[in-house]
Amino acid sequence: MRIAYSPCPNDTFVFHAWSHGLVPGAPAVDVTFADIDITNGLAERAAAASRETGERDSAGEGTDSGTGTVSGSDPRLGPLLDHDVLKVSYAVLPWILDAYALLPCGGALGRGCGPLVLTAAPGRAGGLRGKRVAVPSERSTAYLLFRLWAAAEVPGGVGEIVVMPFHEIMPAVRDGAVDAGLVIHEARFTYRDYGLHCLADMGEHWENTTGLPIPLGAIVAKRSLGDRRLRELADAVRTSVRMAWDDPEASRPYVLEHAQEMDPAVADQHIGLYVNEFTADLGEAGYAAVRGLLTRAAAEGLVPPLGPHALAFPDGA
């Protein structure tokens, strides 16, 4: 099975056992590491290609390849084409759920773990009106939460949105290249090292207004694999998560190898925050959070509306 996920500590912790062949009965995997913006784009293009192929087949026109393989304008997608399992943002689901099924485990969803809006000096939300804001992806859940927050808290709206890799955002805010930055992951623990200030916590706003946990990253798999294989994949992910919890030290070299320059203590905080009960099983609260986010976003015209059974998984989860 071909799988793509990020090199962030929560993903490498979750998938360590499976990627190293330690999960009994699980299929072997070929892993590609990619930033969430890349996998979001891949999933969206792959879903679009699948729809196009289906439309051609329905019209009796045929297709050159018949595979639904993506040919995209983004050169970063080249080595990632045609993966079976992907880590994506929950925000991208409305564009891909016809081709991918949401696995009920393995993702990042929780409380007190939302994205932050950072500025170089203390301020108020209203001060962002017309300002330049850096974000990690316009298809990210972080950006969707930001849009919902800004609609309520920034009269007149923010100004230019600049997409950049998340590790470049804090230096850009510090150096004045942008007026504010929307950050994710370990930036929650390190932004003070850059002399920055937290203007607002998107997760706090979401939890206060909905009472629901914060949906961030999801694991999806191709529907074309079939219901039986999808259930096997979900079982493999759940087992990999539980094995990581049972023996955290086993995954530590793998986590730190891909965390690059990250302080080991920060990596531990990262895992503690983003790998939780929802990672093992979304459960009713998790599904309610996902539906709540995407329903509210659709009402604001930010994403297409979900179909009634779009989030359903073959085992009835």
C-alpha atoms as a PDB file:
ATOM      1  CA  MET A   1       0.000   0.000   0.000  1.00  0.00           C
ATOM      2  CA  ARG A   2       1.257   3.449  -0.898  1.00  0.00           C
ATOM      3  CA  ILE A   3       0.791   5.968   1.905  1.00  0.00           C
ATOM      4  CA  ALA A   4       1.732   9.640   2.288  1.00  0.00           C
ATOM      5  CA  TYR A   5       1.835  11.510   5.571  1.00  0.00           C
ATOM      6  CA  SER A   6       3.796  14.357   7.112  1.00  0.00           C
ATOM      7  CA  PRO A   7       7.139  14.066   8.947  1.00  0.00           C
ATOM      8  CA  CYS A   8       5.536  15.698  12.005  1.00  0.00           C
ATOM      9  CA  PRO A   9       5.933  13.791  15.287  1.00  0.00           C
ATOM     10  CA  ASN A  10       2.259  12.894  15.622  1.00  0.00           C
ATOM     11  CA  ASP A  11       2.198  11.175  12.217  1.00  0.00           C
ATOM     12  CA  THR A  12       5.503   9.355  12.590  1.00  0.00           C
ATOM     13  CA  PHE A  13       4.470   8.241  16.084  1.00  0.00           C
ATOM     14  CA  VAL A  14       1.095   6.960  14.849  1.00  0.00           C
ATOM     15  CA  PHE A  15       2.445   5.156  11.786  1.00  0.00           C
ATOM     16  CA  HIS A  16       5.757   3.877  13.160  1.00  0.00           C
ATOM     17  CA  ALA A  17       4.593   0.326  13.874  1.00  0.00           C
ATOM     18  CA  TRP A  18       2.720  -0.099  10.595  1.00  0.00           C
ATOM     19  CA  SER A  19       5.448   1.461   8.450  1.00  0.00           C
ATOM     20  CA  HIS A  20       8.043  -0.844  10.024  1.00  0.00           C
ATOM     21  CA  GLY A  21       6.065  -4.032   9.448  1.00  0.00           C
ATOM     22  CA  LEU A  22       5.270  -4.523  13.139  1.00  0.00           C
ATOM     23  CA  VAL A  23       1.468  -4.683  12.850  1.00  0.00           C
ATOM     24  CA  PRO A  24       0.417  -8.362  12.550  1.00  0.00           C
ATOM     25  CA  GLY A  25      -1.456  -9.079   9.329  1.00  0.00           C
ATOM     26  CA  ALA A  26      -1.274  -5.501   8.042  1.00  0.00           C
ATOM     27  CA  PRO A  27      -0.281  -4.907   4.412  1.00  0.00           C
ATOM     28  CA  ALA A  28       3.245  -3.661   3.787  1.00  0.00           C
ATOM     29  CA  VAL A  29       3.449   0.055   3.063  1.00  0.00           C
ATOM     30  CA  ASP A  30       5.595   2.303   0.895  1.00  0.00           C
ATOM     31  CA  VAL A  31       5.795   5.644   2.727  1.00  0.00           C
ATOM     32  CA  THR A  32       6.206   9.107   1.207  1.00  0.00           C
ATOM     33  CA  PHE A  33       6.655  12.127   3.468  1.00  0.00           C
ATOM     34  CA  ALA A  34       4.857  15.271   2.347  1.00  0.00           C
ATOM     35  CA  ASP A  35       3.592  18.519   3.825  1.00  0.00           C
ATOM     36  CA  ILE A  36      -0.179  18.691   4.308  1.00  0.00           C
ATOM     37  CA  ASP A  37      -0.527  21.300   1.564  1.00  0.00           C
ATOM     38  CA  ILE A  38       0.974  18.793  -0.885  1.00  0.00           C
ATOM     39  CA  THR A  39      -1.271  15.900   0.155  1.00  0.00           C
ATOM     40  CA  ASN A  40      -4.352  18.146   0.090  1.00  0.00           C
ATOM     41  CA  GLY A  41      -3.539  19.109  -3.483  1.00  0.00           C
ATOM     42  CA  LEU A  42      -2.844  15.517  -4.439  1.00  0.00           C
ATOM     43  CA  ALA A  43      -6.131  14.250  -3.029  1.00  0.00           C
ATOM     44  CA  GLU A  44      -8.128  17.003  -4.686  1.00  0.00           C
ATOM     45  CA  ARG A  45      -6.517  16.441  -8.085  1.00  0.00           C
ATOM     46  CA  ALA A  46      -6.850  12.664  -7.813  1.00  0.00           C
ATOM     47  CA  ALA A  47     -10.544  12.973  -6.944  1.00  0.00           C
ATOM     48  CA  ALA A  48     -11.082  15.339  -9.876  1.00  0.00           C
ATOM     49  CA  ALA A  49      -9.297  12.903 -12.208  1.00  0.00           C
ATOM     50  CA  SER A  50     -11.439  10.051 -10.915  1.00  0.00           C
ATOM     51  CA  ARG A  51     -14.611  12.031 -11.597  1.00  0.00           C
ATOM     52  CA  GLU A  52     -13.402  12.934 -15.079  1.00  0.00           C
ATOM     53  CA  THR A  53     -12.622   9.292 -15.844  1.00  0.00           C
ATOM     54  CA  GLY A  54     -16.056   8.248 -14.575  1.00  0.00           C
ATOM     55  CA  GLU A  55     -17.753  10.881 -16.712  1.00  0.00           C
ATOM     56  CA  ARG A  56     -15.844   9.741 -19.796  1.00  0.00           C
ATOM     57  CA  ASP A  57     -16.716   6.124 -19.130  1.00  0.00           C
ATOM     58  CA  SER A  58     -20.393   7.028 -18.652  1.00  0.00           C
ATOM     59  CA  ALA A  59     -20.341   8.935 -21.930  1.00  0.00           C
ATOM     60  CA  GLY A  60     -18.656   6.008 -23.691  1.00  0.00           C
ATOM     61  CA  GLU A  61     -15.683   8.157 -24.656  1.00  0.00           C
ATOM     62  CA  GLY A  62     -13.020   6.064 -22.936  1.00  0.00           C
ATOM     63  CA  THR A  63      -9.752   7.452 -21.628  1.00  0.00           C
ATOM     64  CA  ASP A  64      -6.134   7.138 -22.610  1.00  0.00           C
ATOM     65  CA  SER A  65      -4.982   5.537 -19.389  1.00  0.00           C
ATOM     66  CA  GLY A  66      -8.168   4.379 -17.680  1.00  0.00           C
ATOM     67  CA  THR A  67      -6.396   4.737 -14.347  1.00  0.00           C
ATOM     68  CA  GLY A  68      -7.554   8.131 -13.105  1.00  0.00           C
ATOM     69  CA  THR A  69      -3.902   8.987 -12.508  1.00  0.00           C
ATOM     70  CA  VAL A  70      -3.384  12.674 -11.952  1.00  0.00           C
ATOM     71  CA  SER A  71      -1.440  14.901 -14.256  1.00  0.00           C
ATOM     72  CA  GLY A  72      -1.209  18.209 -12.457  1.00  0.00           C
ATOM     73  CA  SER A  73       0.242  21.631 -12.971  1.00  0.00           C
ATOM     74  CA  ASP A  74       1.974  21.469  -9.591  1.00  0.00           C
ATOM     75  CA  PRO A  75       5.382  19.788 -10.082  1.00  0.00           C
ATOM     76  CA  ARG A  76       5.533  18.916  -6.378  1.00  0.00           C
ATOM     77  CA  LEU A  77       2.827  16.302  -6.947  1.00  0.00           C
ATOM     78  CA  GLY A  78       4.833  14.206  -9.402  1.00  0.00           C
ATOM     79  CA  PRO A  79       6.258  11.585  -6.979  1.00  0.00           C
ATOM     80  CA  LEU A  80       3.027  11.415  -4.977  1.00  0.00           C
ATOM     81  CA  LEU A  81       0.604  10.363  -7.673  1.00  0.00           C
ATOM     82  CA  ASP A  82      -1.722   7.430  -7.132  1.00  0.00           C
ATOM     83  CA  HIS A  83      -1.271   6.849  -3.384  1.00  0.00           C
ATOM     84  CA  ASP A  84      -3.751   4.595  -1.595  1.00  0.00           C
ATOM     85  CA  VAL A  85      -3.775   6.299   1.821  1.00  0.00           C
ATOM     86  CA  LEU A  86      -3.212   9.982   2.594  1.00  0.00           C
ATOM     87  CA  LYS A  87      -3.080  12.332   5.555  1.00  0.00           C
ATOM     88  CA  VAL A  88      -5.121  15.407   4.579  1.00  0.00           C
ATOM     89  CA  SER A  89      -6.893  18.332   6.195  1.00  0.00           C
ATOM     90  CA  TYR A  90     -10.495  17.830   7.240  1.00  0.00           C
ATOM     91  CA  ALA A  91     -11.195  21.034   5.319  1.00  0.00           C
ATOM     92  CA  VAL A  92     -10.483  19.341   1.983  1.00  0.00           C
ATOM     93  CA  LEU A  93     -12.978  16.486   2.529  1.00  0.00           C
ATOM     94  CA  PRO A  94     -15.915  18.097   0.682  1.00  0.00           C
ATOM     95  CA  TRP A  95     -13.867  18.052  -2.521  1.00  0.00           C
ATOM     96  CA  ILE A  96     -12.606  14.456  -2.257  1.00  0.00           C
ATOM     97  CA  LEU A  97     -15.124  12.229  -0.470  1.00  0.00           C
ATOM     98  CA  ASP A  98     -16.520  10.849  -3.703  1.00  0.00           C
ATOM     99  CA  ALA A  99     -13.116   9.214  -4.331  1.00  0.00           C
ATOM    100  CA  TYR A 100     -11.786   8.749  -0.780  1.00  0.00           C
ATOM    101  CA  ALA A 101     -13.292   7.345   2.408  1.00  0.00           C
ATOM    102  CA  LEU A 102     -12.589   8.961   5.761  1.00  0.00           C
ATOM    103  CA  LEU A 103     -10.946   6.415   8.070  1.00  0.00           C
ATOM    104  CA  PRO A 104     -12.362   6.613  11.615  1.00  0.00           C
ATOM    105  CA  CYS A 105      -8.879   6.711  13.158  1.00  0.00           C
ATOM    106  CA  GLY A 106      -5.297   7.912  12.735  1.00  0.00           C
ATOM    107  CA  GLY A 107      -5.956  11.631  12.377  1.00  0.00           C
ATOM    108  CA  ALA A 108      -5.503  14.694  14.558  1.00  0.00           C
ATOM    109  CA  LEU A 109      -8.531  15.937  16.473  1.00  0.00           C
ATOM    110  CA  GLY A 110      -8.741  17.098  20.047  1.00  0.00           C
ATOM    111  CA  ARG A 111      -9.098  19.918  22.532  1.00  0.00           C
ATOM    112  CA  GLY A 112      -6.684  22.738  23.263  1.00  0.00           C
ATOM    113  CA  CYS A 113      -4.787  22.015  20.041  1.00  0.00           C
ATOM    114  CA  GLY A 114      -6.064  24.623  17.617  1.00  0.00           C
ATOM    115  CA  PRO A 115      -4.101  26.885  15.273  1.00  0.00           C
ATOM    116  CA  LEU A 116      -2.921  30.264  16.534  1.00  0.00           C
ATOM    117  CA  VAL A 117      -2.867  33.729  14.967  1.00  0.00           C
ATOM    118  CA  LEU A 118       0.482  35.323  15.799  1.00  0.00           C
ATOM    119  CA  THR A 119       1.658  38.940  15.555  1.00  0.00           C
ATOM    120  CA  ALA A 120       4.913  40.734  16.258  1.00  0.00           C
ATOM    121  CA  ALA A 121       3.273  42.961  18.893  1.00  0.00           C
ATOM    122  CA  PRO A 122       0.237  42.562  21.166  1.00  0.00           C
ATOM    123  CA  GLY A 123      -3.027  43.603  19.560  1.00  0.00           C
ATOM    124  CA  ARG A 124      -6.714  42.947  19.056  1.00  0.00           C
ATOM    125  CA  ALA A 125      -8.563  40.972  16.421  1.00  0.00           C
ATOM    126  CA  GLY A 126      -9.980  44.117  14.837  1.00  0.00           C
ATOM    127  CA  GLY A 127      -6.452  45.269  14.099  1.00  0.00           C
ATOM    128  CA  LEU A 128      -6.175  42.619  11.381  1.00  0.00           C
ATOM    129  CA  ARG A 129      -8.650  44.452   9.148  1.00  0.00           C
ATOM    130  CA  GLY A 130      -7.069  44.801   5.732  1.00  0.00           C
ATOM    131  CA  LYS A 131      -3.779  43.262   6.926  1.00  0.00           C
ATOM    132  CA  ARG A 132      -1.501  40.739   5.228  1.00  0.00           C
ATOM    133  CA  VAL A 133      -1.763  37.284   6.826  1.00  0.00           C
ATOM    134  CA  ALA A 134       0.382  34.215   6.129  1.00  0.00           C
ATOM    135  CA  VAL A 135      -1.337  30.803   6.202  1.00  0.00           C
ATOM    136  CA  PRO A 136       0.002  27.266   5.617  1.00  0.00           C
ATOM    137  CA  SER A 137      -2.634  26.335   3.009  1.00  0.00           C
ATOM    138  CA  GLU A 138      -5.924  27.682   1.730  1.00  0.00           C
ATOM    139  CA  ARG A 139      -7.350  24.159   1.902  1.00  0.00           C
ATOM    140  CA  SER A 140      -6.150  23.506   5.454  1.00  0.00           C
ATOM    141  CA  THR A 141      -8.456  23.090   8.427  1.00  0.00           C
ATOM    142  CA  ALA A 142      -6.438  25.821  10.110  1.00  0.00           C
ATOM    143  CA  TYR A 143      -7.415  28.263   7.374  1.00  0.00           C
ATOM    144  CA  LEU A 144     -11.057  27.172   7.520  1.00  0.00           C
ATOM    145  CA  LEU A 145     -11.128  27.770  11.280  1.00  0.00           C
ATOM    146  CA  PHE A 146      -9.419  31.115  10.676  1.00  0.00           C
ATOM    147  CA  ARG A 147     -12.042  32.132   8.111  1.00  0.00           C
ATOM    148  CA  LEU A 148     -14.864  31.269  10.522  1.00  0.00           C
ATOM    149  CA  TRP A 149     -13.120  33.199  13.321  1.00  0.00           C
ATOM    150  CA  ALA A 150     -12.366  36.245  11.143  1.00  0.00           C
ATOM    151  CA  ALA A 151     -15.959  36.415   9.916  1.00  0.00           C
ATOM    152  CA  ALA A 152     -17.043  36.838  13.539  1.00  0.00           C
ATOM    153  CA  GLU A 153     -14.147  38.821  14.995  1.00  0.00           C
ATOM    154  CA  VAL A 154     -12.610  41.013  12.228  1.00  0.00           C
ATOM    155  CA  PRO A 155     -15.166  43.537  10.934  1.00  0.00           C
ATOM    156  CA  GLY A 156     -14.423  44.320   7.311  1.00  0.00           C
ATOM    157  CA  GLY A 157     -12.231  41.249   6.966  1.00  0.00           C
ATOM    158  CA  VAL A 158      -8.490  40.708   6.675  1.00  0.00           C
ATOM    159  CA  GLY A 159      -6.512  41.756   3.614  1.00  0.00           C
ATOM    160  CA  GLU A 160      -4.134  39.694   1.479  1.00  0.00           C
ATOM    161  CA  ILE A 161      -3.696  35.996   2.292  1.00  0.00           C
ATOM    162  CA  VAL A 162      -0.190  34.665   1.630  1.00  0.00           C
ATOM    163  CA  VAL A 163       0.359  30.900   1.469  1.00  0.00           C
ATOM    164  CA  MET A 164       3.768  29.716   2.637  1.00  0.00           C
ATOM    165  CA  PRO A 165       5.291  26.584   4.229  1.00  0.00           C
ATOM    166  CA  PHE A 166       4.358  26.562   7.898  1.00  0.00           C
ATOM    167  CA  HIS A 167       7.998  26.602   9.060  1.00  0.00           C
ATOM    168  CA  GLU A 168       8.497  29.946   7.255  1.00  0.00           C
ATOM    169  CA  ILE A 169       5.523  31.717   8.818  1.00  0.00           C
ATOM    170  CA  MET A 170       6.955  32.705  12.207  1.00  0.00           C
ATOM    171  CA  PRO A 171      10.158  34.188  10.728  1.00  0.00           C
ATOM    172  CA  ALA A 172       8.015  36.114   8.242  1.00  0.00           C
ATOM    173  CA  VAL A 173       5.900  37.599  11.060  1.00  0.00           C
ATOM    174  CA  ARG A 174       8.993  38.391  13.134  1.00  0.00           C
ATOM    175  CA  ASP A 175      10.719  40.091  10.200  1.00  0.00           C
ATOM    176  CA  GLY A 176       7.680  42.120   9.163  1.00  0.00           C
ATOM    177  CA  ALA A 177       7.143  40.404   5.813  1.00  0.00           C
ATOM    178  CA  VAL A 178       3.517  39.824   6.875  1.00  0.00           C
ATOM    179  CA  ASP A 179       1.348  41.424   9.544  1.00  0.00           C
ATOM    180  CA  ALA A 180       0.212  38.150  11.105  1.00  0.00           C
ATOM    181  CA  GLY A 181       0.629  34.439  10.694  1.00  0.00           C
ATOM    182  CA  LEU A 182      -1.609  31.438  11.165  1.00  0.00           C
ATOM    183  CA  VAL A 183       0.490  28.654  12.691  1.00  0.00           C
ATOM    184  CA  ILE A 184      -0.010  24.982  13.448  1.00  0.00           C
ATOM    185  CA  HIS A 185       1.783  22.006  14.977  1.00  0.00           C
ATOM    186  CA  GLU A 186       4.735  22.630  17.274  1.00  0.00           C
ATOM    187  CA  ALA A 187       4.539  26.403  16.749  1.00  0.00           C
ATOM    188  CA  ARG A 188       2.157  26.381  19.708  1.00  0.00           C
ATOM    189  CA  PHE A 189       5.176  25.604  21.880  1.00  0.00           C
ATOM    190  CA  THR A 190       7.874  27.675  20.154  1.00  0.00           C
ATOM    191  CA  TYR A 191       6.357  30.990  18.993  1.00  0.00           C
ATOM    192  CA  ARG A 192       7.677  32.856  22.034  1.00  0.00           C
ATOM    193  CA  ASP A 193      11.211  31.954  20.932  1.00  0.00           C
ATOM    194  CA  TYR A 194      10.595  34.273  17.960  1.00  0.00           C
ATOM    195  CA  GLY A 195       9.386  37.095  20.196  1.00  0.00           C
ATOM    196  CA  LEU A 196       5.837  36.745  18.870  1.00  0.00           C
ATOM    197  CA  HIS A 197       2.470  37.208  20.543  1.00  0.00           C
ATOM    198  CA  CYS A 198      -0.679  35.101  20.293  1.00  0.00           C
ATOM    199  CA  LEU A 199      -3.484  37.326  19.010  1.00  0.00           C
ATOM    200  CA  ALA A 200      -6.098  34.563  19.009  1.00  0.00           C
ATOM    201  CA  ASP A 201      -6.463  30.818  19.424  1.00  0.00           C
ATOM    202  CA  MET A 202      -8.656  29.357  16.676  1.00  0.00           C
ATOM    203  CA  GLY A 203      -9.273  26.195  18.666  1.00  0.00           C
ATOM    204  CA  GLU A 204     -10.366  28.144  21.729  1.00  0.00           C
ATOM    205  CA  HIS A 205     -12.820  30.112  19.602  1.00  0.00           C
ATOM    206  CA  TRP A 206     -14.139  26.906  18.020  1.00  0.00           C
ATOM    207  CA  GLU A 207     -14.564  25.116  21.346  1.00  0.00           C
ATOM    208  CA  ASN A 208     -16.204  28.124  23.005  1.00  0.00           C
ATOM    209  CA  THR A 209     -18.738  28.553  20.200  1.00  0.00           C
ATOM    210  CA  THR A 210     -19.518  24.888  19.523  1.00  0.00           C
ATOM    211  CA  GLY A 211     -18.483  22.840  22.560  1.00  0.00           C
ATOM    212  CA  LEU A 212     -16.906  20.368  20.125  1.00  0.00           C
ATOM    213  CA  PRO A 213     -13.316  19.135  19.800  1.00  0.00           C
ATOM    214  CA  ILE A 214     -11.174  20.594  17.019  1.00  0.00           C
ATOM    215  CA  PRO A 215     -10.868  18.555  13.798  1.00  0.00           C
ATOM    216  CA  LEU A 216      -7.496  19.124  12.129  1.00  0.00           C
ATOM    217  CA  GLY A 217      -5.997  16.286  10.067  1.00  0.00           C
ATOM    218  CA  ALA A 218      -7.736  13.205   8.645  1.00  0.00           C
ATOM    219  CA  ILE A 219      -6.639   9.871   7.192  1.00  0.00           C
ATOM    220  CA  VAL A 220      -8.361   8.942   3.939  1.00  0.00           C
ATOM    221  CA  ALA A 221      -8.105   5.934   1.629  1.00  0.00           C
ATOM    222  CA  LYS A 222      -9.295   5.251  -1.897  1.00  0.00           C
ATOM    223  CA  ARG A 223     -12.867   3.984  -2.063  1.00  0.00           C
ATOM    224  CA  SER A 224     -11.840   1.897  -5.061  1.00  0.00           C
ATOM    225  CA  LEU A 225      -9.910  -0.379  -2.673  1.00  0.00           C
ATOM    226  CA  GLY A 226     -13.234  -1.838  -1.567  1.00  0.00           C
ATOM    227  CA  ASP A 227     -14.992  -2.089   1.800  1.00  0.00           C
ATOM    228  CA  ARG A 228     -13.023  -5.087   3.043  1.00  0.00           C
ATOM    229  CA  ARG A 229      -9.658  -3.451   2.376  1.00  0.00           C
ATOM    230  CA  LEU A 230     -10.820  -0.185   3.934  1.00  0.00           C
ATOM    231  CA  ARG A 231     -11.745  -2.031   7.128  1.00  0.00           C
ATOM    232  CA  GLU A 232      -8.335  -3.762   7.110  1.00  0.00           C
ATOM    233  CA  LEU A 233      -6.607  -0.398   6.766  1.00  0.00           C
ATOM    234  CA  ALA A 234      -8.565   1.082   9.664  1.00  0.00           C
ATOM    235  CA  ASP A 235      -7.642  -1.924  11.805  1.00  0.00           C
ATOM    236  CA  ALA A 236      -3.969  -1.495  10.868  1.00  0.00           C
ATOM    237  CA  VAL A 237      -4.030   2.193  11.845  1.00  0.00           C
ATOM    238  CA  ARG A 238      -5.756   1.501  15.178  1.00  0.00           C
ATOM    239  CA  THR A 239      -3.283  -1.234  16.020  1.00  0.00           C
ATOM    240  CA  SER A 240      -0.343   0.972  15.060  1.00  0.00           C
ATOM    241  CA  VAL A 241      -1.632   3.730  17.378  1.00  0.00           C
ATOM    242  CA  ARG A 242      -2.064   1.349  20.292  1.00  0.00           C
ATOM    243  CA  MET A 243       1.369  -0.192  19.755  1.00  0.00           C
ATOM    244  CA  ALA A 244       2.893   3.292  19.850  1.00  0.00           C
ATOM    245  CA  TRP A 245       1.158   3.984  23.167  1.00  0.00           C
ATOM    246  CA  ASP A 246       2.209   0.623  24.600  1.00  0.00           C
ATOM    247  CA  ASP A 247       5.891   1.229  23.810  1.00  0.00           C
ATOM    248  CA  PRO A 248       6.560   4.937  23.121  1.00  0.00           C
ATOM    249  CA  GLU A 249      10.327   4.500  23.112  1.00  0.00           C
ATOM    250  CA  ALA A 250      10.177   2.114  20.144  1.00  0.00           C
ATOM    251  CA  SER A 251       9.111   4.930  17.822  1.00  0.00           C
ATOM    252  CA  ARG A 252      11.389   7.609  19.258  1.00  0.00           C
ATOM    253  CA  PRO A 253      14.316   7.258  16.801  1.00  0.00           C
ATOM    254  CA  TYR A 254      11.891   7.352  13.849  1.00  0.00           C
ATOM    255  CA  VAL A 255      10.081  10.391  15.256  1.00  0.00           C
ATOM    256  CA  LEU A 256      13.272  12.360  15.927  1.00  0.00           C
ATOM    257  CA  GLU A 257      14.845  11.376  12.605  1.00  0.00           C
ATOM    258  CA  HIS A 258      12.027  13.075  10.712  1.00  0.00           C
ATOM    259  CA  ALA A 259      11.431  15.912  13.170  1.00  0.00           C
ATOM    260  CA  GLN A 260      14.674  17.468  11.885  1.00  0.00           C
ATOM    261  CA  GLU A 261      15.820  20.229  14.240  1.00  0.00           C
ATOM    262  CA  MET A 262      12.966  19.866  16.704  1.00  0.00           C
ATOM    263  CA  ASP A 263      13.856  19.688  20.379  1.00  0.00           C
ATOM    264  CA  PRO A 264      12.953  16.182  21.687  1.00  0.00           C
ATOM    265  CA  ALA A 265      10.921  17.753  24.499  1.00  0.00           C
ATOM    266  CA  VAL A 266       8.876  19.715  21.943  1.00  0.00           C
ATOM    267  CA  ALA A 267       8.355  16.531  19.926  1.00  0.00           C
ATOM    268  CA  ASP A 268       6.997  14.848  23.056  1.00  0.00           C
ATOM    269  CA  GLN A 269       4.631  17.777  23.691  1.00  0.00           C
ATOM    270  CA  HIS A 270       3.525  17.611  20.070  1.00  0.00           C
ATOM    271  CA  ILE A 271       2.674  13.914  20.341  1.00  0.00           C
ATOM    272  CA  GLY A 272       0.949  14.374  23.701  1.00  0.00           C
ATOM    273  CA  LEU A 273      -1.294  17.085  22.257  1.00  0.00           C
ATOM    274  CA  TYR A 274      -2.205  15.635  18.874  1.00  0.00           C
ATOM    275  CA  VAL A 275      -2.306  11.877  19.545  1.00  0.00           C
ATOM    276  CA  ASN A 276      -5.249  11.147  21.825  1.00  0.00           C
ATOM    277  CA  GLU A 277      -8.428   9.074  22.132  1.00  0.00           C
ATOM    278  CA  PHE A 278      -9.749  10.496  18.862  1.00  0.00           C
ATOM    279  CA  THR A 279      -6.675   9.162  17.057  1.00  0.00           C
ATOM    280  CA  ALA A 280      -7.631   5.620  17.993  1.00  0.00           C
ATOM    281  CA  ASP A 281     -11.315   6.153  17.216  1.00  0.00           C
ATOM    282  CA  LEU A 282     -13.210   9.287  16.183  1.00  0.00           C
ATOM    283  CA  GLY A 283     -16.313   8.150  18.040  1.00  0.00           C
ATOM    284  CA  GLU A 284     -19.549  10.123  18.197  1.00  0.00           C
ATOM    285  CA  ALA A 285     -17.892  13.326  19.420  1.00  0.00           C
ATOM    286  CA  GLY A 286     -15.268  13.179  16.686  1.00  0.00           C
ATOM    287  CA  TYR A 287     -17.776  12.694  13.900  1.00  0.00           C
ATOM    288  CA  ALA A 288     -19.951  15.456  15.364  1.00  0.00           C
ATOM    289  CA  ALA A 289     -16.957  17.795  15.277  1.00  0.00           C
ATOM    290  CA  VAL A 290     -16.189  16.992  11.635  1.00  0.00           C
ATOM    291  CA  ARG A 291     -19.820  17.396  10.589  1.00  0.00           C
ATOM    292  CA  GLY A 292     -20.072  20.586  12.622  1.00  0.00           C
ATOM    293  CA  LEU A 293     -17.023  22.161  11.022  1.00  0.00           C
ATOM    294  CA  LEU A 294     -17.975  21.317   7.458  1.00  0.00           C
ATOM    295  CA  THR A 295     -21.654  22.199   7.941  1.00  0.00           C
ATOM    296  CA  ARG A 296     -20.807  25.622   9.366  1.00  0.00           C
ATOM    297  CA  ALA A 297     -18.240  26.211   6.628  1.00  0.00           C
ATOM    298  CA  ALA A 298     -20.775  25.248   3.944  1.00  0.00           C
ATOM    299  CA  ALA A 299     -23.315  27.647   5.458  1.00  0.00           C
ATOM    300  CA  GLU A 300     -20.726  30.424   5.075  1.00  0.00           C
ATOM    301  CA  GLY A 301     -20.105  29.418   1.459  1.00  0.00           C
ATOM    302  CA  LEU A 302     -16.529  28.305   2.205  1.00  0.00           C
ATOM    303  CA  VAL A 303     -16.873  24.650   1.132  1.00  0.00           C
ATOM    304  CA  PRO A 304     -19.382  22.589  -0.867  1.00  0.00           C
ATOM    305  CA  PRO A 305     -22.132  20.967   1.250  1.00  0.00           C
ATOM    306  CA  LEU A 306     -21.670  17.345   2.310  1.00  0.00           C
ATOM    307  CA  GLY A 307     -24.005  14.610   1.197  1.00  0.00           C
ATOM    308  CA  PRO A 308     -25.973  12.831   3.963  1.00  0.00           C
ATOM    309  CA  HIS A 309     -23.709   9.754   4.001  1.00  0.00           C
ATOM    310  CA  ALA A 310     -20.428  11.331   2.890  1.00  0.00           C
ATOM    311  CA  LEU A 311     -18.620  10.537   6.156  1.00  0.00           C
ATOM    312  CA  ALA A 312     -19.950   6.999   6.512  1.00  0.00           C
ATOM    313  CA  PHE A 313     -17.407   4.195   6.860  1.00  0.00           C
ATOM    314  CA  PRO A 314     -18.106   0.610   5.705  1.00  0.00           C
ATOM    315  CA  ASP A 315     -18.128  -0.831   9.220  1.00  0.00           C
ATOM    316  CA  GLY A 316     -20.889   1.598  10.261  1.00  0.00           C
ATOM    317  CA  ALA A 317     -18.575   3.782  12.369  1.00  0.00           C
END
